N, C-alpha and C. Protein backbone atom coordinates (compact mmCIF):
# COMPACT_ATOMS: atom_id res chain seq x y z
N UNK A 1 116.65 96.97 87.38
CA UNK A 1 118.05 96.90 87.70
C UNK A 1 118.68 95.65 87.08
N UNK A 2 117.91 94.58 87.03
CA UNK A 2 118.42 93.34 86.44
C UNK A 2 118.70 93.51 84.95
N UNK A 3 117.87 94.29 84.28
CA UNK A 3 118.07 94.50 82.85
C UNK A 3 119.37 95.28 82.61
N UNK A 4 119.64 96.26 83.44
CA UNK A 4 120.87 97.04 83.29
C UNK A 4 122.09 96.15 83.52
N UNK A 5 122.02 95.29 84.53
CA UNK A 5 123.15 94.39 84.80
C UNK A 5 123.34 93.40 83.65
N UNK A 6 122.24 92.91 83.09
CA UNK A 6 122.34 91.98 81.96
C UNK A 6 122.93 92.66 80.73
N UNK A 7 122.53 93.89 80.48
CA UNK A 7 123.10 94.63 79.34
C UNK A 7 124.59 94.91 79.55
N UNK A 8 124.97 95.22 80.77
CA UNK A 8 126.39 95.45 81.06
C UNK A 8 127.19 94.18 80.82
N UNK A 9 126.64 93.05 81.23
CA UNK A 9 127.33 91.78 81.01
C UNK A 9 127.43 91.45 79.52
N UNK A 10 126.36 91.74 78.77
CA UNK A 10 126.40 91.51 77.32
C UNK A 10 127.45 92.40 76.66
N UNK A 11 127.57 93.63 77.12
CA UNK A 11 128.60 94.51 76.57
C UNK A 11 130.00 94.00 76.90
N UNK A 12 130.16 93.48 78.12
CA UNK A 12 131.47 92.92 78.48
C UNK A 12 131.81 91.73 77.60
N UNK A 13 130.84 90.88 77.32
CA UNK A 13 131.09 89.73 76.45
C UNK A 13 131.42 90.17 75.03
N UNK A 14 130.76 91.21 74.55
CA UNK A 14 131.05 91.68 73.20
C UNK A 14 132.45 92.27 73.11
N UNK A 15 132.98 92.74 74.22
CA UNK A 15 134.34 93.29 74.23
C UNK A 15 135.41 92.24 74.04
N UNK A 16 135.10 90.97 74.32
CA UNK A 16 136.09 89.92 74.12
C UNK A 16 136.30 89.61 72.65
N UNK A 17 135.36 90.00 71.81
CA UNK A 17 135.46 89.73 70.37
C UNK A 17 136.31 90.78 69.67
N UNK A 18 136.17 92.03 70.09
CA UNK A 18 136.90 93.10 69.40
C UNK A 18 138.36 93.14 69.86
N UNK A 19 139.21 93.59 69.00
CA UNK A 19 140.64 93.64 69.31
C UNK A 19 141.09 94.96 69.89
N UNK A 20 140.28 96.00 69.70
CA UNK A 20 140.66 97.31 70.23
C UNK A 20 139.40 98.07 70.60
N UNK A 21 139.57 99.12 71.35
CA UNK A 21 138.43 99.94 71.75
C UNK A 21 138.24 99.94 73.26
N UNK A 22 137.21 100.63 73.72
CA UNK A 22 137.01 100.77 75.16
C UNK A 22 136.46 99.52 75.84
N UNK A 23 135.97 98.54 75.08
CA UNK A 23 135.39 97.35 75.67
C UNK A 23 136.35 96.18 75.79
N UNK A 24 137.56 96.31 75.27
CA UNK A 24 138.52 95.20 75.38
C UNK A 24 138.87 95.00 76.86
N UNK A 25 139.28 93.80 77.24
CA UNK A 25 139.65 93.58 78.64
C UNK A 25 140.73 94.57 79.09
N UNK A 26 140.45 95.27 80.15
CA UNK A 26 141.35 96.30 80.65
C UNK A 26 141.06 97.67 80.08
N UNK A 27 140.13 97.78 79.14
CA UNK A 27 139.76 99.07 78.57
C UNK A 27 138.95 99.89 79.56
N UNK A 28 138.81 101.17 79.26
CA UNK A 28 138.13 102.08 80.18
C UNK A 28 136.69 101.71 80.47
N UNK A 29 135.93 101.36 79.45
CA UNK A 29 134.51 101.05 79.65
C UNK A 29 134.32 99.70 80.32
N UNK A 30 135.18 98.75 80.02
CA UNK A 30 135.02 97.44 80.64
C UNK A 30 135.29 97.50 82.14
N UNK A 31 136.23 98.36 82.55
CA UNK A 31 136.52 98.52 83.97
C UNK A 31 135.30 99.10 84.70
N UNK A 32 134.58 100.00 84.05
CA UNK A 32 133.39 100.58 84.66
C UNK A 32 132.21 99.60 84.69
N UNK A 33 132.17 98.66 83.74
CA UNK A 33 131.03 97.74 83.66
C UNK A 33 131.17 96.53 84.57
N UNK A 34 132.38 96.17 84.98
CA UNK A 34 132.56 94.99 85.82
C UNK A 34 131.77 95.03 87.14
N UNK A 35 131.68 96.15 87.84
CA UNK A 35 130.94 96.14 89.12
C UNK A 35 129.42 96.09 88.98
N UNK A 36 128.86 96.37 87.82
CA UNK A 36 127.40 96.43 87.68
C UNK A 36 126.68 95.13 88.05
N UNK A 37 127.16 93.96 87.65
CA UNK A 37 126.46 92.75 88.10
C UNK A 37 126.47 92.58 89.62
N UNK A 38 127.55 93.00 90.27
CA UNK A 38 127.61 92.91 91.74
C UNK A 38 126.64 93.89 92.37
N UNK A 39 126.51 95.08 91.78
CA UNK A 39 125.56 96.08 92.27
C UNK A 39 124.15 95.53 92.20
N UNK A 40 123.86 94.66 91.25
CA UNK A 40 122.54 94.05 91.16
C UNK A 40 122.43 92.84 92.09
N UNK A 41 123.47 92.03 92.18
CA UNK A 41 123.38 90.78 92.96
C UNK A 41 123.23 91.02 94.46
N UNK A 42 123.92 91.99 95.01
CA UNK A 42 123.86 92.22 96.45
C UNK A 42 122.45 92.62 96.90
N UNK A 43 121.80 93.62 96.30
CA UNK A 43 120.43 93.94 96.73
C UNK A 43 119.44 92.81 96.44
N UNK A 44 119.66 92.06 95.35
CA UNK A 44 118.77 90.94 95.05
C UNK A 44 118.88 89.86 96.12
N UNK A 45 120.09 89.56 96.56
CA UNK A 45 120.28 88.57 97.63
C UNK A 45 119.67 89.04 98.93
N UNK A 46 119.83 90.32 99.25
CA UNK A 46 119.24 90.85 100.48
C UNK A 46 117.71 90.77 100.41
N UNK A 47 117.14 91.12 99.27
CA UNK A 47 115.69 91.06 99.13
C UNK A 47 115.18 89.62 99.24
N UNK A 48 115.88 88.67 98.63
CA UNK A 48 115.47 87.27 98.72
C UNK A 48 115.60 86.75 100.15
N UNK A 49 116.67 87.16 100.85
CA UNK A 49 116.86 86.72 102.23
C UNK A 49 115.76 87.28 103.13
N UNK A 50 115.41 88.55 102.93
CA UNK A 50 114.35 89.14 103.73
C UNK A 50 113.01 88.46 103.46
N UNK A 51 112.76 88.12 102.22
CA UNK A 51 111.52 87.43 101.89
C UNK A 51 111.51 86.03 102.51
N UNK A 52 112.65 85.37 102.49
CA UNK A 52 112.75 84.02 103.05
C UNK A 52 112.56 84.01 104.56
N UNK A 53 113.14 84.99 105.24
CA UNK A 53 113.06 85.02 106.69
C UNK A 53 111.79 85.70 107.19
N UNK A 54 111.05 86.34 106.31
CA UNK A 54 109.82 87.01 106.72
C UNK A 54 110.06 88.37 107.36
N UNK A 55 111.26 88.90 107.20
CA UNK A 55 111.59 90.22 107.78
C UNK A 55 110.95 91.30 106.93
N UNK A 56 110.15 92.14 107.56
CA UNK A 56 109.45 93.19 106.81
C UNK A 56 110.14 94.53 106.91
N UNK A 57 111.12 94.63 107.80
CA UNK A 57 111.81 95.91 107.96
C UNK A 57 111.24 96.76 109.07
N UNK A 58 110.11 96.34 109.64
CA UNK A 58 109.49 97.10 110.72
C UNK A 58 109.89 96.47 112.04
N UNK A 59 110.27 97.29 112.98
CA UNK A 59 110.69 96.79 114.28
C UNK A 59 109.54 96.70 115.27
N UNK A 60 108.43 97.29 114.93
CA UNK A 60 107.29 97.28 115.84
C UNK A 60 107.32 98.41 116.84
N UNK A 61 108.33 99.25 116.79
CA UNK A 61 108.43 100.38 117.70
C UNK A 61 107.78 101.59 117.04
N UNK A 62 106.83 102.19 117.76
CA UNK A 62 106.17 103.38 117.21
C UNK A 62 106.94 104.62 117.61
N UNK A 63 106.93 105.58 116.71
CA UNK A 63 107.63 106.85 117.00
C UNK A 63 106.63 107.92 117.29
């Protein structure tokens, strides 16, 4: 997932160089790529927080 977010960010940066096309700021593809880093950051932060607190996701209740 991190690789996909990094590629999306690289594409967004390359859009600042071109003067026209779907990657320019406000273009169709750039609008779709902006949320991808956030989609990666939120689960990564949750995973790091769970690892830090030692939360395994199990409540100890048997079904």
